[in-house]
Amino acid sequence: MSCFLTNSSVGKKLVMSISGCFLVLFILFHMSMNLTMLFSWQGYNAICEFLGANWYALAGTALLAAGVLVHFVYAFILTIDNYRARGKQRYAVTVQEKGVAWSSKNMLVLGVIVILGLGLHLVHFWSKMQLVEIMGQHASVINGQEFQVINGAAIMMYTFSHWYNVVLYLVWFAALWFHLTHGVWSMFQTVGFANDTWYPRLKCIANIVATLIFLGFAAVAVYCYFTSSPQLIDEMIANPLAH
C-alpha cells in the first residue's frame, strides 16, 4: 500500500486529494470561526480560549501541520513528475475545458503563495497566541502593547488596522481562491467523478466553495480595517470580554 501511495501516479494524486479535502474542510471551519468576529468579539475570544494550548487543539494543530506538509510535498513531487513526462504541462486531466484555466496551469506557483501567506498568518496570530500559551505565558507584547493570548479579537483588530497587512492578506486570499477553483474539482476527478456530466457541476461547486472562503476571510479583514481605531483597540485590550 505504501508503495502504491509513493510510487504510483494515481496513488500520489490520491494522497493529494485526501490531504486537500482535509485542508479545505479546515479552511471552511477557520473561516466560519473568523466570521464570529463580525458579530461578537466576546464570542470570538471564547473560541480562541477553547482552541488555546489544550491537548485537543495541540493535536489538531499537529494534524493540520502534517496535512499541509504532505499536501505540498506531494504537489512538488507531482509537478516534477509531470514536467518529466509532459514538459510544461502541470497536471494530467481526463476532462479539459475550452482553454486550460490559468489556475490549473499555475497550481504550484499559487501553492507557494498560499504557503507564504500561511507563514505570514503564523507570525501574526499563531506565534502571538497558541505558541505563547505553549511557552507558559499568558500575554504577547506587540509594538509595546500587551495582548492576552485569548484576546484574538484585539490582536486581529490591531493586525488589520494596518493597510499593508490587509493588502497582503487579500493577495493571499485571492491566490487561495484561484488554487481552490482548480483544486476542489480535481479532488473529485481523482476518484473518478469528472465525467462529462459531473465536470461542469464540480467546477460550479469549486467556484462556490472558493468564493465563499474568499469573501468570508476578506470580509473580516476589511471590517477590522474600517472599524479599527487606537481608542477601540485600547478598549478591546482592557476589556476582552466586551461586545
Protein backbone atom coordinates (compact mmCIF):
# COMPACT_ATOMS: atom_id res chain seq x y z
CA MET A 1 0.00 0.00 0.00
CA SER A 2 2.80 2.43 0.87
CA CYS A 3 4.50 1.73 -2.46
CA PHE A 4 1.23 2.49 -4.26
CA LEU A 5 0.91 5.86 -2.46
CA THR A 6 4.54 6.86 -3.06
CA ASN A 7 5.46 5.29 -6.39
CA SER A 8 2.22 5.28 -8.37
CA SER A 9 0.99 8.45 -10.09
CA VAL A 10 -2.58 7.54 -9.15
CA GLY A 11 -1.52 6.91 -5.55
CA LYS A 12 0.23 10.26 -5.32
CA LYS A 13 -2.83 12.04 -6.67
CA LEU A 14 -4.99 10.18 -4.17
CA VAL A 15 -2.80 11.44 -1.32
CA MET A 16 -3.08 14.95 -2.75
CA SER A 17 -6.87 14.63 -2.92
CA ILE A 18 -7.31 13.29 0.61
CA SER A 19 -4.96 15.85 2.17
CA GLY A 20 -6.53 18.61 0.06
CA CYS A 21 -10.04 17.64 1.19
CA PHE A 22 -8.90 17.75 4.81
CA LEU A 23 -7.36 21.20 4.32
CA VAL A 24 -10.47 22.58 2.59
CA LEU A 25 -12.64 21.41 5.49
CA PHE A 26 -10.27 23.08 7.95
CA ILE A 27 -10.27 26.32 5.94
CA LEU A 28 -14.08 26.34 5.96
CA PHE A 29 -14.01 25.84 9.74
CA HIS A 30 -11.44 28.59 10.21
CA MET A 31 -13.44 30.97 8.03
CA SER A 32 -16.61 30.24 10.00
CA MET A 33 -14.75 30.87 13.24
CA ASN A 34 -13.40 34.19 11.95
CA LEU A 35 -16.87 35.34 10.89
CA THR A 36 -17.82 35.31 14.57
CA MET A 37 -15.68 38.44 14.82
CA LEU A 38 -18.29 40.34 12.82
CA PHE A 39 -20.99 39.67 15.40
CA SER A 40 -19.32 39.21 18.77
CA TRP A 41 -15.77 39.90 19.92
CA GLN A 42 -16.60 38.05 23.12
CA GLY A 43 -17.74 35.02 21.12
CA TYR A 44 -14.59 35.07 19.02
CA ASN A 45 -12.41 35.29 22.14
CA ALA A 46 -14.33 32.40 23.69
CA ILE A 47 -13.44 30.29 20.64
CA CYS A 48 -9.79 31.40 20.91
CA GLU A 49 -9.74 30.37 24.57
CA PHE A 50 -11.30 26.99 23.70
CA LEU A 51 -8.70 26.46 20.96
CA GLY A 52 -5.72 27.55 23.03
CA ALA A 53 -2.97 25.22 24.23
CA ASN A 54 -5.41 22.47 25.20
CA TRP A 55 -4.43 18.92 24.27
CA TYR A 56 -7.13 18.61 21.60
CA ALA A 57 -6.14 21.93 20.00
CA LEU A 58 -2.47 20.93 20.00
CA ALA A 59 -3.35 17.56 18.47
CA GLY A 60 -5.40 19.34 15.81
CA THR A 61 -2.55 21.76 15.11
CA ALA A 62 -0.09 18.88 14.69
CA LEU A 63 -2.51 17.08 12.37
CA LEU A 64 -3.05 20.24 10.35
CA ALA A 65 0.70 20.83 10.02
CA ALA A 66 1.14 17.24 8.83
CA GLY A 67 -1.67 17.71 6.29
CA VAL A 68 -0.10 20.89 4.90
CA LEU A 69 3.33 19.26 4.71
CA VAL A 70 2.03 16.13 2.96
CA HIS A 71 -0.10 18.13 0.52
CA PHE A 72 2.65 20.44 -0.64
CA VAL A 73 5.43 17.83 -0.67
CA TYR A 74 3.28 15.68 -2.95
CA ALA A 75 2.44 18.77 -5.04
CA PHE A 76 6.13 19.31 -5.73
CA ILE A 77 6.66 15.61 -6.47
CA LEU A 78 3.73 15.50 -8.90
CA THR A 79 4.84 18.71 -10.59
CA ILE A 80 8.32 17.28 -11.15
CA ASP A 81 6.84 14.02 -12.44
CA ASN A 82 4.56 15.92 -14.84
CA TYR A 83 7.40 18.08 -16.12
CA ARG A 84 9.43 14.96 -16.86
CA ALA A 85 6.54 13.18 -18.56
CA ARG A 86 4.80 16.07 -20.35
CA GLY A 87 7.15 19.00 -20.50
CA LYS A 88 5.46 22.09 -19.07
CA GLN A 89 2.01 20.56 -18.61
CA ARG A 90 1.40 20.55 -14.85
CA TYR A 91 -1.48 18.18 -14.16
CA ALA A 92 -2.87 15.48 -16.39
CA VAL A 93 -6.66 15.67 -16.51
CA THR A 94 -9.18 13.38 -18.08
CA VAL A 95 -11.60 16.22 -18.91
CA GLN A 96 -10.43 19.54 -20.35
CA GLU A 97 -12.41 22.73 -20.59
CA LYS A 98 -12.04 25.01 -23.61
CA GLY A 99 -8.76 26.78 -23.00
CA VAL A 100 -6.96 25.47 -19.93
CA ALA A 101 -7.79 27.58 -16.88
CA TRP A 102 -4.97 29.82 -15.67
CA SER A 103 -5.22 28.36 -12.16
CA SER A 104 -4.78 24.78 -13.41
CA LYS A 105 -1.56 25.77 -15.19
CA ASN A 106 -0.13 27.60 -12.17
CA MET A 107 -1.08 25.45 -9.20
CA LEU A 108 2.49 25.21 -7.94
CA VAL A 109 3.02 28.99 -8.05
CA LEU A 110 -0.33 29.54 -6.35
CA GLY A 111 0.60 26.92 -3.77
CA VAL A 112 3.85 28.74 -2.98
CA ILE A 113 1.93 32.00 -2.47
CA VAL A 114 -0.52 30.17 -0.20
CA ILE A 115 2.39 28.78 1.84
CA LEU A 116 3.95 32.25 2.14
CA GLY A 117 0.59 33.61 3.28
CA LEU A 118 0.34 30.82 5.81
CA GLY A 119 3.75 31.82 7.16
CA LEU A 120 2.56 35.42 7.50
CA HIS A 121 -0.54 34.20 9.32
CA LEU A 122 1.57 32.13 11.72
CA VAL A 123 3.73 35.15 12.51
CA HIS A 124 0.77 37.47 13.08
CA PHE A 125 -1.51 35.16 15.02
CA TRP A 126 -0.29 31.68 15.98
CA SER A 127 3.04 32.93 17.32
CA LYS A 128 1.19 35.57 19.36
CA MET A 129 -1.45 33.23 20.74
CA GLN A 130 -1.12 29.44 20.91
CA LEU A 131 2.68 29.40 20.77
CA VAL A 132 2.92 31.91 23.62
CA GLU A 133 0.49 29.82 25.66
CA ILE A 134 2.51 26.68 24.95
CA MET A 135 5.51 28.51 26.38
CA GLY A 136 3.58 29.03 29.61
CA GLN A 137 2.86 32.72 29.16
CA HIS A 138 -0.49 34.49 29.07
CA ALA A 139 0.23 37.63 27.08
CA SER A 140 2.07 38.82 23.99
CA VAL A 141 3.73 42.20 23.58
CA ILE A 142 3.13 43.71 20.14
CA ASN A 143 4.74 47.09 19.47
CA GLY A 144 4.80 47.86 23.18
CA GLN A 145 1.19 46.84 23.82
CA GLU A 146 0.30 43.77 25.86
CA PHE A 147 -2.37 41.45 24.45
CA GLN A 148 -3.77 38.48 26.34
CA VAL A 149 -3.29 35.30 24.30
CA ILE A 150 -7.04 34.62 24.38
CA ASN A 151 -7.80 38.13 23.12
CA GLY A 152 -7.77 37.15 19.48
CA ALA A 153 -10.28 39.86 18.64
CA ALA A 154 -7.91 42.64 19.74
CA ILE A 155 -4.94 41.01 18.01
CA MET A 156 -6.93 40.68 14.78
CA MET A 157 -8.24 44.24 15.02
CA TYR A 158 -4.71 45.56 15.60
CA THR A 159 -3.20 43.49 12.76
CA PHE A 160 -5.77 44.62 10.21
CA SER A 161 -5.67 48.23 11.33
CA HIS A 162 -2.59 48.47 9.09
CA TRP A 163 -3.48 48.81 5.41
CA TYR A 164 -0.44 46.89 4.19
CA ASN A 165 -1.48 43.83 6.20
CA VAL A 166 -4.94 43.99 4.63
CA VAL A 167 -3.38 44.15 1.15
CA LEU A 168 -1.05 41.21 1.85
CA TYR A 169 -3.89 39.09 3.18
CA LEU A 170 -6.18 39.96 0.27
CA VAL A 171 -3.45 38.82 -2.14
CA TRP A 172 -3.19 35.60 -0.12
CA PHE A 173 -6.96 35.10 -0.20
CA ALA A 174 -7.01 35.73 -3.96
CA ALA A 175 -4.27 33.12 -4.52
CA LEU A 176 -6.24 30.73 -2.34
CA TRP A 177 -9.34 31.39 -4.46
CA PHE A 178 -7.52 30.51 -7.68
CA HIS A 179 -5.95 27.47 -6.03
CA LEU A 180 -9.30 26.18 -4.79
CA THR A 181 -11.20 26.76 -8.03
CA HIS A 182 -8.99 24.10 -9.57
CA GLY A 183 -8.13 22.04 -6.51
CA VAL A 184 -11.64 21.33 -5.27
CA TRP A 185 -12.94 19.82 -8.51
CA SER A 186 -9.66 17.98 -9.18
CA MET A 187 -10.05 16.21 -5.82
CA PHE A 188 -13.22 14.62 -7.11
CA GLN A 189 -11.72 13.99 -10.53
CA THR A 190 -9.01 11.86 -8.94
CA VAL A 191 -11.60 9.47 -7.52
CA GLY A 192 -13.46 9.22 -10.83
CA PHE A 193 -16.27 11.78 -10.68
CA ALA A 194 -15.10 14.05 -13.51
CA ASN A 195 -17.10 12.72 -16.43
CA ASP A 196 -18.99 14.82 -18.97
CA THR A 197 -21.98 15.06 -16.63
CA TRP A 198 -20.20 15.83 -13.39
CA TYR A 199 -17.38 18.02 -14.67
CA PRO A 200 -19.44 21.25 -15.03
CA ARG A 201 -21.17 20.56 -11.70
CA LEU A 202 -17.88 20.08 -9.90
CA LYS A 203 -16.48 23.24 -11.48
CA CYS A 204 -19.51 25.14 -10.22
CA ILE A 205 -19.14 23.66 -6.71
CA ALA A 206 -15.43 24.52 -6.70
CA ASN A 207 -16.14 28.12 -7.68
CA ILE A 208 -18.83 28.45 -5.00
CA VAL A 209 -16.61 27.00 -2.25
CA ALA A 210 -13.62 29.13 -3.27
CA THR A 211 -15.74 32.29 -3.46
CA LEU A 212 -17.36 31.70 -0.06
CA ILE A 213 -13.93 31.20 1.50
CA PHE A 214 -12.51 34.32 -0.16
CA LEU A 215 -15.46 36.51 0.80
CA GLY A 216 -15.57 35.17 4.37
CA PHE A 217 -11.92 35.83 5.11
CA ALA A 218 -11.81 39.12 3.18
CA ALA A 219 -14.92 40.45 4.95
CA VAL A 220 -13.26 40.11 8.36
CA ALA A 221 -10.02 41.79 7.26
CA VAL A 222 -11.85 44.70 5.61
CA TYR A 223 -14.26 45.03 8.56
CA CYS A 224 -11.37 45.29 11.02
CA TYR A 225 -9.58 47.88 8.88
CA PHE A 226 -12.58 50.20 8.58
CA THR A 227 -13.77 49.87 12.18
CA SER A 228 -10.42 49.95 13.97
CA SER A 229 -9.06 52.91 15.87
CA PRO A 230 -6.39 53.30 18.58
CA GLN A 231 -9.11 54.03 21.12
CA LEU A 232 -11.12 50.95 20.17
CA ILE A 233 -8.07 48.70 20.28
CA ASP A 234 -7.17 50.05 23.73
CA GLU A 235 -10.73 49.32 24.86
CA MET A 236 -10.57 45.79 23.48
CA ILE A 237 -7.25 45.19 25.26
CA ALA A 238 -8.67 46.45 28.55
CA ASN A 239 -12.00 44.61 28.21
CA PRO A 240 -11.53 41.39 26.19
CA LEU A 241 -15.00 40.13 27.19
CA ALA A 242 -16.83 43.24 25.94
CA HIS A 243 -19.10 43.37 22.89
